[in-house]
Amino acid sequence: MHNTLIIIPPDPRGQEYTREMRCQEKREVLGTLKPPLTPALLCALFRDNRIPFLALEHSSAARAADRMRGNRFSPGLILMPTCTPTIIRDMEFARGLKEKTGAATAAFGPHTSGIPAQTLEEFSGLDYALIGEPEQACLALARGEAPARVHGLAYRNPGGGVAVNPPRAPGDALDAMPFPDWSRFDLSRYRVPLFGERFLLVELSRGCPYHCEFCVAPLTHAGPVREKTADRVIAEIKHIKQKYGVSFFYFWGDTAVFNPRTMRALAERIIADRLDIQWISNTRPEAIADLEYARLLRRSGCRVLSMGAESGDPATLERMGKKLDYSKLTNAVRTLRDADIQSFVFFMFGYPGETMKSLRRTRDLALKLDPDYANFYPVVPYPGTPLWTQCVEQGLVSEKDWSRVDFTSYVLNQPALPARKVMHFVRRARLEFYLRPDYMLRTIKNIGSPARALQILKAIPGYFDL
């Protein structure tokens, strides 16, 4: 059994990143950071399994070493979350910790899940690349199991090459997972976008029934959708309210608000138990078809639901593998507004094969839908996704710097859509959406408080590149 250090790497200077499984973005993308659910869950699992561990966050290698000396803690294993835009700096950090401690290093997240062998080949300071859901593989490594026996793991074999084990079967018993141990982390860093309240993640499900070509969710949570029961979720909410004093939640899942039967049961329990909470989450348009159901969600505390439209061009949607009915999307935005739930819709620009005409169709869809909030991104070919494979095979990836593979850069080389044109169109679409007089008047009316107005104004410069 190994003493294990669970550590969130420091961010690059002047930047802050979410490294929470499928979510890998700078703070400026959504104006917030997401709490580190997976590290908090690992802390709870290690505690319950009596594995000695220490949890640290955002410390340099030198400061982390000082903390370990102060705690008389000598690790044999180091676990850390990572993601594509931070992988280079995170692996430099891992190498520094390895040199100071002599411990084996392991990383998890969408990047190691998507290209595990390449990650080990590229970064000599990393010993293990975890693939998919990391919890059980992390426990196995900490217990000292032989790497060759740990499913969902890539590692260096004695001959100097890289071995990639079979994937680990997705765990079905989500209800049996312990409550995440949030006490190990600085929760003051995490505020709900648009509301400014402290918040935490409560996981409702894992997996997604859809298979969009650009999405990393199948890399991190493969397999069918698995859901927690309403009883389990209610117990976790009560625990968090009592222990941490938090009553605003992000209901977490690859598509969390998807199954109306599950969500109806959860909403009814929240109301019946008078939990007095607020929550936001993500959904699919077809899941929000009924006004009575949407009003039930609102009574349970739902404030915002997000969904992906991605493109206003049907041919582009087909190439994405995105199953979307525009009429259901329109109805979902209207239904949410009638239920007093704010809608947040995502759009992307520059998919392979797109033209300026298809970009304009997406911009026009955003204006026609008129959701409460919208986000506009350049397309990102994350490693390991079908989109990544396609772009590599066609020679479309123009950037070898992993730090630029995120939602604030465009790294595809399409002669008909050069990067400067795509990024200009993204900025222009944002301005055209948010600077409409009618939209601004409605938003000011909806804000309702100076504090929330200030929160939104603070996010504007980074979002609009001002």
Protein backbone atom coordinates (compact mmCIF):
# COMPACT_ATOMS: atom_id res chain seq x y z
CA MET A 1 0.00 0.00 0.00
CA HIS A 2 1.32 3.45 -0.95
CA ASN A 3 1.04 6.78 0.81
CA THR A 4 -0.74 8.77 -1.87
CA LEU A 5 -0.67 12.47 -2.70
CA ILE A 6 -3.82 13.71 -4.43
CA ILE A 7 -2.95 17.09 -5.90
CA ILE A 8 -4.47 19.63 -8.29
CA PRO A 9 -1.60 21.17 -10.28
CA PRO A 10 -1.01 24.92 -10.19
CA ASP A 11 -2.49 26.95 -13.03
CA PRO A 12 -0.36 28.90 -15.50
CA ARG A 13 0.26 32.45 -14.30
CA GLY A 14 -2.74 34.71 -14.87
CA GLN A 15 -4.99 31.83 -15.94
CA GLU A 16 -7.31 29.44 -14.12
CA TYR A 17 -8.59 26.13 -15.45
CA THR A 18 -11.27 23.59 -14.69
CA ARG A 19 -9.82 20.07 -14.89
CA GLU A 20 -12.94 18.04 -14.08
CA MET A 21 -13.14 15.04 -16.38
CA ARG A 22 -14.98 16.09 -19.57
CA CYS A 23 -14.83 19.79 -18.64
CA GLN A 24 -11.52 21.41 -19.49
CA GLU A 25 -11.76 25.15 -19.92
CA LYS A 26 -10.33 28.44 -18.78
CA ARG A 27 -12.30 30.42 -16.23
CA GLU A 28 -13.06 33.07 -18.85
CA VAL A 29 -15.04 30.65 -21.02
CA LEU A 30 -17.97 30.49 -18.58
CA GLY A 31 -16.85 33.05 -16.00
CA THR A 32 -16.30 30.43 -13.32
CA LEU A 33 -14.39 27.35 -12.23
CA LYS A 34 -16.03 24.04 -11.43
CA PRO A 35 -15.21 22.44 -8.06
CA PRO A 36 -12.85 19.41 -8.26
CA LEU A 37 -15.39 16.62 -7.93
CA THR A 38 -13.13 13.72 -8.88
CA PRO A 39 -10.29 14.64 -6.48
CA ALA A 40 -12.89 15.12 -3.71
CA LEU A 41 -14.37 11.72 -4.50
CA LEU A 42 -10.91 10.12 -4.45
CA CYS A 43 -10.30 11.63 -1.01
CA ALA A 44 -13.50 10.01 0.27
CA LEU A 45 -12.65 6.65 -1.27
CA PHE A 46 -9.12 6.65 0.14
CA ARG A 47 -10.42 7.66 3.57
CA ASP A 48 -13.02 4.89 3.59
CA ASN A 49 -10.50 2.31 2.36
CA ARG A 50 -7.92 3.35 5.01
CA ILE A 51 -5.31 4.33 2.44
CA PRO A 52 -3.05 7.06 3.85
CA PHE A 53 -3.23 10.18 1.69
CA LEU A 54 -2.70 13.92 1.60
CA ALA A 55 -4.68 16.30 -0.62
CA LEU A 56 -3.19 19.58 -1.89
CA GLU A 57 -4.22 22.07 -4.54
CA HIS A 58 -2.49 24.67 -6.70
CA SER A 59 0.86 24.43 -4.91
CA SER A 60 4.17 24.62 -6.74
CA ALA A 61 6.34 21.51 -6.55
CA ALA A 62 8.55 23.23 -3.95
CA ARG A 63 5.60 24.32 -1.79
CA ALA A 64 4.01 20.89 -2.08
CA ALA A 65 7.28 19.33 -0.91
CA ASP A 66 7.35 21.73 2.05
CA ARG A 67 3.76 20.81 2.96
CA MET A 68 4.60 17.12 2.82
CA ARG A 69 7.64 17.60 5.05
CA GLY A 70 5.51 19.60 7.48
CA ASN A 71 3.01 16.73 7.57
CA ARG A 72 5.79 14.12 7.73
CA PHE A 73 4.25 12.61 4.63
CA SER A 74 6.33 10.71 2.10
CA PRO A 75 4.26 9.61 -0.91
CA GLY A 76 4.82 6.54 -3.00
CA LEU A 77 2.13 7.57 -5.50
CA ILE A 78 1.00 10.95 -6.82
CA LEU A 79 -2.43 11.35 -8.46
CA MET A 80 -3.48 14.46 -10.36
CA PRO A 81 -6.21 15.63 -12.73
CA THR A 82 -5.12 17.07 -16.05
CA CYS A 83 -6.60 18.17 -19.36
CA THR A 84 -5.44 18.99 -22.86
CA PRO A 85 -4.74 22.75 -22.55
CA THR A 86 -2.82 22.26 -19.27
CA ILE A 87 -1.12 18.94 -20.03
CA ILE A 88 2.31 20.42 -20.80
CA ARG A 89 2.54 22.47 -17.61
CA ASP A 90 0.92 19.72 -15.54
CA MET A 91 3.50 17.21 -16.73
CA GLU A 92 6.35 19.62 -15.97
CA PHE A 93 4.86 19.85 -12.48
CA ALA A 94 4.61 16.06 -12.25
CA ARG A 95 8.26 15.71 -13.23
CA GLY A 96 9.29 18.22 -10.57
CA LEU A 97 7.33 16.38 -7.87
CA LYS A 98 8.75 13.05 -8.99
CA GLU A 99 12.30 14.42 -8.72
CA LYS A 100 11.62 15.78 -5.21
CA THR A 101 9.81 12.72 -3.84
CA GLY A 102 10.79 9.70 -5.92
CA ALA A 103 7.08 8.80 -6.10
CA ALA A 104 5.33 7.29 -9.10
CA THR A 105 3.09 9.77 -10.92
CA ALA A 106 -0.37 9.12 -12.38
CA ALA A 107 -2.74 11.48 -14.20
CA PHE A 108 -6.39 11.21 -15.18
CA GLY A 109 -8.79 13.17 -17.35
CA PRO A 110 -9.88 13.46 -20.98
CA HIS A 111 -6.35 13.84 -22.39
CA THR A 112 -4.93 10.68 -20.80
CA SER A 113 -8.17 8.86 -21.64
CA GLY A 114 -8.04 9.92 -25.29
CA ILE A 115 -4.38 9.26 -26.09
CA PRO A 116 -2.88 7.32 -23.15
CA ALA A 117 0.11 5.78 -24.96
CA GLN A 118 1.04 9.02 -26.69
CA THR A 119 0.82 10.89 -23.39
CA LEU A 120 3.33 8.54 -21.73
CA GLU A 121 5.60 8.66 -24.76
CA GLU A 122 5.53 12.45 -24.78
CA PHE A 123 6.04 13.08 -21.06
CA SER A 124 8.82 11.14 -19.33
CA GLY A 125 7.84 12.39 -15.86
CA LEU A 126 4.53 10.51 -15.98
CA ASP A 127 4.44 6.83 -14.98
CA TYR A 128 0.73 6.03 -15.37
CA ALA A 129 -2.00 7.38 -17.65
CA LEU A 130 -5.49 6.53 -16.41
CA ILE A 131 -8.22 5.83 -18.94
CA GLY A 132 -11.88 6.63 -18.34
CA GLU A 133 -13.39 6.65 -14.85
CA PRO A 134 -10.31 6.72 -12.60
CA GLU A 135 -11.57 5.83 -9.12
CA GLN A 136 -11.08 2.07 -9.04
CA ALA A 137 -7.80 2.17 -10.94
CA CYS A 138 -6.47 4.77 -8.50
CA LEU A 139 -7.43 2.54 -5.57
CA ALA A 140 -5.71 -0.42 -7.22
CA LEU A 141 -2.48 1.52 -7.76
CA ALA A 142 -2.52 2.84 -4.18
CA ARG A 143 -2.97 -0.70 -2.87
CA GLY A 144 0.14 -1.74 -4.76
CA GLU A 145 -1.46 -3.95 -7.40
CA ALA A 146 0.77 -4.78 -10.36
CA PRO A 147 0.13 -2.30 -13.20
CA ALA A 148 -0.38 -5.15 -15.68
CA ARG A 149 -3.44 -6.25 -13.66
CA VAL A 150 -5.12 -2.82 -13.49
CA HIS A 151 -7.72 -2.29 -16.17
CA GLY A 152 -8.10 1.24 -17.49
CA LEU A 153 -4.37 1.96 -17.19
CA ALA A 154 -1.45 2.69 -19.51
CA TYR A 155 2.04 2.28 -18.06
CA ARG A 156 5.70 1.81 -18.92
CA ASN A 157 6.63 -1.86 -19.14
CA PRO A 158 10.01 -3.23 -18.03
CA GLY A 159 11.27 -3.24 -21.62
CA GLY A 160 10.90 0.51 -21.85
CA GLY A 161 7.84 0.55 -24.07
CA VAL A 162 4.28 1.55 -23.23
CA ALA A 163 1.55 -0.96 -22.45
CA VAL A 164 -2.17 -0.11 -22.58
CA ASN A 165 -4.42 -2.39 -20.56
CA PRO A 166 -8.03 -3.21 -21.51
CA PRO A 167 -10.58 -0.59 -20.48
CA ARG A 168 -12.30 -0.89 -17.14
CA ALA A 169 -16.00 -1.72 -17.31
CA PRO A 170 -18.11 1.28 -16.20
CA GLY A 171 -19.23 1.05 -12.61
CA ASP A 172 -22.97 0.66 -12.16
CA ALA A 173 -23.25 1.18 -8.41
CA LEU A 174 -23.16 4.98 -8.30
CA ASP A 175 -25.35 4.96 -5.18
CA ALA A 176 -22.62 3.04 -3.36
CA MET A 177 -20.04 5.78 -3.95
CA PRO A 178 -19.25 7.86 -0.85
CA PHE A 179 -20.09 11.53 -0.61
CA PRO A 180 -17.16 13.54 -2.01
CA ASP A 181 -14.87 14.89 0.72
CA TRP A 182 -14.92 18.61 -0.08
CA SER A 183 -13.21 19.52 3.21
CA ARG A 184 -9.77 19.08 1.63
CA PHE A 185 -10.20 21.98 -0.84
CA ASP A 186 -10.67 25.75 -0.81
CA LEU A 187 -14.35 26.06 -1.67
CA SER A 188 -14.30 29.87 -1.66
CA ARG A 189 -12.84 29.78 -5.18
CA TYR A 190 -16.02 28.40 -6.72
CA ARG A 191 -18.95 30.69 -7.52
CA VAL A 192 -21.97 30.03 -9.72
CA PRO A 193 -21.78 32.02 -12.97
CA LEU A 194 -24.42 34.77 -13.18
CA PHE A 195 -25.41 34.38 -9.51
CA GLY A 196 -22.16 34.72 -7.59
CA GLU A 197 -23.17 32.17 -4.93
CA ARG A 198 -20.87 29.46 -3.59
CA PHE A 199 -21.74 26.13 -5.18
CA LEU A 200 -20.76 22.48 -5.34
CA LEU A 201 -21.30 19.67 -7.81
CA VAL A 202 -23.72 16.84 -7.06
CA GLU A 203 -23.33 14.04 -9.56
CA LEU A 204 -26.62 12.65 -10.86
CA SER A 205 -25.40 10.32 -13.60
CA ARG A 206 -22.59 9.15 -15.83
CA GLY A 207 -22.65 8.42 -19.54
CA CYS A 208 -24.57 9.85 -22.49
CA PRO A 209 -26.83 8.05 -24.97
CA TYR A 210 -25.59 10.27 -27.82
CA HIS A 211 -22.32 10.01 -29.72
CA CYS A 212 -21.33 13.44 -31.00
CA GLU A 213 -18.05 13.25 -32.93
CA PHE A 214 -16.48 16.19 -31.06
CA CYS A 215 -17.36 15.22 -27.48
CA VAL A 216 -14.94 13.84 -24.88
CA ALA A 217 -17.67 12.43 -22.63
CA PRO A 218 -17.35 8.90 -24.15
CA LEU A 219 -13.64 9.00 -23.27
CA THR A 220 -14.17 9.80 -19.60
CA HIS A 221 -17.53 8.09 -18.92
CA ALA A 222 -18.03 5.36 -21.48
CA GLY A 223 -20.94 2.98 -21.62
CA PRO A 224 -24.65 3.39 -21.02
CA VAL A 225 -26.23 6.07 -18.87
CA ARG A 226 -26.09 5.20 -15.16
CA GLU A 227 -28.13 7.23 -12.68
CA LYS A 228 -28.19 7.75 -8.94
CA THR A 229 -31.52 7.29 -7.21
CA ALA A 230 -33.43 10.26 -5.84
CA ASP A 231 -32.85 8.96 -2.28
CA ARG A 232 -29.08 8.98 -2.78
CA VAL A 233 -29.03 12.48 -4.31
CA ILE A 234 -31.27 13.88 -1.57
CA ALA A 235 -28.98 12.42 1.11
CA GLU A 236 -25.94 14.03 -0.50
CA ILE A 237 -27.66 17.43 -0.77
CA LYS A 238 -28.60 17.32 2.92
CA HIS A 239 -25.04 16.31 3.84
CA ILE A 240 -23.53 19.22 1.88
CA LYS A 241 -25.95 21.77 3.30
CA GLN A 242 -25.24 20.65 6.85
CA LYS A 243 -21.47 20.18 6.58
CA TYR A 244 -20.47 22.96 4.17
CA GLY A 245 -23.31 25.45 4.34
CA VAL A 246 -23.81 25.37 0.57
CA SER A 247 -27.32 25.48 -0.90
CA PHE A 248 -26.56 26.17 -4.59
CA PHE A 249 -25.71 23.15 -6.73
CA TYR A 250 -24.62 22.17 -10.19
CA PHE A 251 -26.42 18.88 -10.86
CA TRP A 252 -23.62 17.09 -12.66
CA GLY A 253 -23.70 14.55 -15.46
CA ASP A 254 -22.78 14.15 -19.10
CA THR A 255 -26.47 14.85 -19.76
CA ALA A 256 -27.86 15.26 -16.25
CA VAL A 257 -31.42 16.44 -16.86
CA PHE A 258 -32.30 13.80 -19.41
CA ASN A 259 -34.64 11.19 -17.96
CA PRO A 260 -37.93 12.91 -17.02
CA ARG A 261 -38.95 10.05 -14.70
CA THR A 262 -35.73 10.34 -12.67
CA MET A 263 -35.78 14.13 -12.58
CA ARG A 264 -39.45 14.30 -11.70
CA ALA A 265 -38.85 11.99 -8.71
CA LEU A 266 -35.89 14.08 -7.59
CA ALA A 267 -37.71 17.39 -7.98
CA GLU A 268 -40.73 16.12 -6.05
CA ARG A 269 -38.47 14.96 -3.19
CA ILE A 270 -36.67 18.31 -3.06
CA ILE A 271 -40.01 20.08 -2.75
CA ALA A 272 -41.50 17.58 -0.28
CA ASP A 273 -38.41 17.73 1.97
CA ARG A 274 -38.36 21.55 1.78
CA LEU A 275 -34.67 21.59 1.00
CA ASP A 276 -34.76 25.24 -0.15
CA ILE A 277 -31.97 24.93 -2.70
CA GLN A 278 -31.13 26.42 -6.08
CA TRP A 279 -29.56 24.48 -8.89
CA ILE A 280 -28.36 24.62 -12.48
CA SER A 281 -27.62 21.78 -14.89
CA ASN A 282 -27.41 20.64 -18.50
CA THR A 283 -30.05 18.95 -20.63
CA ARG A 284 -31.15 18.01 -24.13
CA PRO A 285 -33.89 19.92 -25.97
CA GLU A 286 -36.15 16.89 -26.29
CA ALA A 287 -36.08 16.44 -22.50
CA ILE A 288 -37.80 19.81 -22.01
CA ALA A 289 -41.00 19.35 -23.98
CA ASP A 290 -43.63 19.77 -21.27
CA LEU A 291 -44.41 23.05 -19.48
CA GLU A 292 -45.83 21.36 -16.39
CA TYR A 293 -42.62 19.35 -16.01
CA ALA A 294 -40.45 22.46 -16.48
CA ARG A 295 -42.47 24.29 -13.83
CA LEU A 296 -41.92 21.39 -11.44
CA LEU A 297 -38.16 21.73 -11.99
CA ARG A 298 -38.42 25.45 -11.30
CA ARG A 299 -40.31 24.86 -8.03
CA SER A 300 -37.53 22.50 -6.96
CA GLY A 301 -35.00 25.32 -7.37
CA CYS A 302 -33.86 25.08 -11.01
CA ARG A 303 -32.54 28.45 -12.22
CA VAL A 304 -30.65 27.70 -15.47
CA LEU A 305 -30.51 24.78 -17.89
CA SER A 306 -27.90 24.63 -20.64
CA MET A 307 -27.99 22.68 -23.89
CA GLY A 308 -25.94 22.38 -27.04
CA ALA A 309 -27.30 23.54 -30.38
CA GLU A 310 -23.81 23.57 -31.91
CA SER A 311 -24.78 24.51 -35.48
CA GLY A 312 -27.59 26.09 -37.44
CA ASP A 313 -26.52 24.21 -40.55
CA PRO A 314 -28.16 20.77 -40.98
CA ALA A 315 -25.29 19.39 -43.07
CA THR A 316 -22.79 20.37 -40.37
CA LEU A 317 -24.95 18.74 -37.69
CA GLU A 318 -24.91 15.52 -39.71
CA ARG A 319 -21.11 15.56 -39.96
CA MET A 320 -20.94 16.17 -36.20
CA GLY A 321 -23.13 13.16 -35.48
CA LYS A 322 -25.32 15.59 -33.53
CA LYS A 323 -28.90 14.38 -33.26
CA LEU A 324 -30.87 17.61 -33.03
CA ASP A 325 -34.41 18.58 -33.96
CA TYR A 326 -34.55 22.36 -34.42
CA SER A 327 -38.26 22.47 -33.62
CA LYS A 328 -37.64 20.73 -30.28
CA LEU A 329 -34.78 23.15 -29.55
CA THR A 330 -37.07 26.12 -30.21
CA ASN A 331 -39.79 24.61 -28.03
CA ALA A 332 -37.33 23.91 -25.19
CA VAL A 333 -36.13 27.53 -25.06
CA ARG A 334 -39.73 28.77 -25.11
CA THR A 335 -40.84 26.26 -22.48
CA LEU A 336 -38.00 27.19 -20.12
CA ARG A 337 -38.84 30.88 -20.44
CA ASP A 338 -42.50 30.20 -19.69
CA ALA A 339 -41.41 28.23 -16.61
CA ASP A 340 -39.11 31.07 -15.43
CA ILE A 341 -35.98 28.98 -16.00
CA GLN A 342 -33.17 30.68 -17.87
CA SER A 343 -31.78 28.95 -20.95
CA PHE A 344 -28.10 28.80 -21.88
CA VAL A 345 -27.37 27.52 -25.41
CA PHE A 346 -23.96 26.66 -26.90
CA PHE A 347 -22.85 27.18 -30.50
CA MET A 348 -19.61 26.25 -32.27
CA PHE A 349 -17.97 27.54 -35.42
CA GLY A 350 -15.43 26.13 -37.87
CA TYR A 351 -16.28 22.42 -38.05
CA PRO A 352 -14.49 20.62 -40.90
CA GLY A 353 -16.29 21.33 -44.15
CA GLU A 354 -17.97 24.52 -42.96
CA THR A 355 -18.19 27.69 -45.00
CA MET A 356 -18.93 31.31 -44.17
CA LYS A 357 -22.51 30.56 -45.17
CA SER A 358 -22.86 27.81 -42.57
CA LEU A 359 -21.29 30.05 -39.91
CA ARG A 360 -23.90 32.70 -40.65
CA ARG A 361 -26.64 30.08 -40.34
CA THR A 362 -25.42 29.25 -36.83
CA ARG A 363 -25.29 32.93 -35.86
CA ASP A 364 -28.79 33.41 -37.26
CA LEU A 365 -30.08 30.42 -35.27
CA ALA A 366 -28.75 31.95 -32.05
CA LEU A 367 -30.50 35.25 -32.80
CA LYS A 368 -33.74 33.51 -33.75
CA LEU A 369 -33.76 31.25 -30.69
CA ASP A 370 -33.05 34.22 -28.43
CA PRO A 371 -32.08 32.20 -25.32
CA ASP A 372 -31.31 34.02 -22.10
CA TYR A 373 -27.61 33.33 -22.54
CA ALA A 374 -25.48 31.92 -25.34
CA ASN A 375 -21.87 30.88 -25.69
CA PHE A 376 -19.97 30.87 -28.97
CA TYR A 377 -16.85 28.72 -29.44
CA PRO A 378 -14.40 27.78 -32.13
CA VAL A 379 -14.48 24.04 -32.79
CA VAL A 380 -11.89 22.15 -30.74
CA PRO A 381 -10.59 18.73 -31.91
CA TYR A 382 -9.85 17.14 -28.55
CA PRO A 383 -7.42 14.17 -28.71
CA GLY A 384 -9.08 10.79 -28.80
CA THR A 385 -12.41 11.96 -30.21
CA PRO A 386 -13.59 10.90 -33.68
CA LEU A 387 -13.23 14.56 -34.70
CA TRP A 388 -9.56 14.47 -33.66
CA THR A 389 -8.94 11.30 -35.66
CA GLN A 390 -10.61 12.81 -38.72
CA CYS A 391 -8.64 16.04 -38.48
CA VAL A 392 -5.30 14.24 -38.04
CA GLU A 393 -5.99 11.91 -40.98
CA GLN A 394 -6.92 14.87 -43.20
CA GLY A 395 -3.99 17.00 -42.09
CA LEU A 396 -6.25 19.69 -40.65
CA VAL A 397 -4.56 20.17 -37.26
CA SER A 398 -2.34 23.24 -37.57
CA GLU A 399 -1.19 23.47 -33.94
CA LYS A 400 1.12 21.15 -32.02
CA ASP A 401 1.01 23.22 -28.82
CA TRP A 402 -1.49 21.47 -26.54
CA SER A 403 -2.04 24.69 -24.57
CA ARG A 404 -3.86 26.16 -27.59
CA VAL A 405 -6.25 23.23 -27.95
CA ASP A 406 -9.10 24.82 -26.04
CA PHE A 407 -12.18 26.97 -26.53
CA THR A 408 -10.21 30.22 -26.88
CA SER A 409 -8.20 29.19 -29.97
CA TYR A 410 -8.89 27.72 -33.41
CA VAL A 411 -6.32 25.11 -34.37
CA LEU A 412 -7.71 23.72 -37.63
CA ASN A 413 -6.17 24.51 -41.00
CA GLN A 414 -9.02 24.94 -43.47
CA PRO A 415 -8.10 27.14 -46.46
CA ALA A 416 -11.71 28.28 -46.87
CA LEU A 417 -11.89 29.17 -43.15
CA PRO A 418 -8.56 30.48 -41.84
CA ALA A 419 -8.24 30.85 -38.08
CA ARG A 420 -8.44 34.65 -38.16
CA LYS A 421 -11.79 34.48 -39.96
CA VAL A 422 -13.24 31.92 -37.55
CA MET A 423 -12.12 33.78 -34.43
CA HIS A 424 -13.35 37.09 -35.86
CA PHE A 425 -16.73 35.50 -36.55
CA VAL A 426 -16.91 34.06 -33.01
CA ARG A 427 -16.29 37.51 -31.49
CA ARG A 428 -18.70 39.14 -33.90
CA ALA A 429 -21.46 36.61 -33.12
CA ARG A 430 -21.03 37.30 -29.39
CA LEU A 431 -21.34 41.03 -29.89
CA GLU A 432 -24.33 40.73 -32.22
CA PHE A 433 -26.11 38.49 -29.73
CA TYR A 434 -25.40 40.36 -26.50
CA LEU A 435 -25.55 43.97 -27.70
CA ARG A 436 -29.10 43.84 -29.04
CA PRO A 437 -31.13 46.59 -27.30
CA ASP A 438 -34.09 44.30 -26.61
CA TYR A 439 -31.80 41.64 -25.18
CA MET A 440 -29.96 44.09 -22.93
CA LEU A 441 -33.22 45.50 -21.54
CA ARG A 442 -34.56 42.01 -20.81
CA THR A 443 -31.31 40.95 -19.17
CA ILE A 444 -31.15 44.02 -16.94
CA LYS A 445 -34.71 43.29 -15.87
CA ASN A 446 -33.85 39.65 -15.15
CA ILE A 447 -30.69 40.44 -13.21
CA GLY A 448 -32.70 41.88 -10.36
CA SER A 449 -29.78 42.86 -8.12
CA PRO A 450 -26.66 45.05 -8.29
CA ALA A 451 -24.49 42.14 -7.12
CA ARG A 452 -25.48 39.95 -10.05
CA ALA A 453 -25.09 42.86 -12.46
CA LEU A 454 -21.53 43.35 -11.18
CA GLN A 455 -20.81 39.62 -11.60
CA ILE A 456 -21.85 39.75 -15.27
CA LEU A 457 -19.99 42.98 -15.98
CA LYS A 458 -16.78 41.49 -14.55
CA ALA A 459 -17.03 38.57 -16.98
CA ILE A 460 -17.59 40.70 -20.09
CA PRO A 461 -14.02 41.84 -20.86
CA GLY A 462 -12.57 38.33 -20.97
CA TYR A 463 -15.52 36.88 -22.85
CA PHE A 464 -15.47 39.53 -25.56
CA ASP A 465 -11.66 39.81 -25.70
CA LEU A 466 -11.90 43.43 -24.61
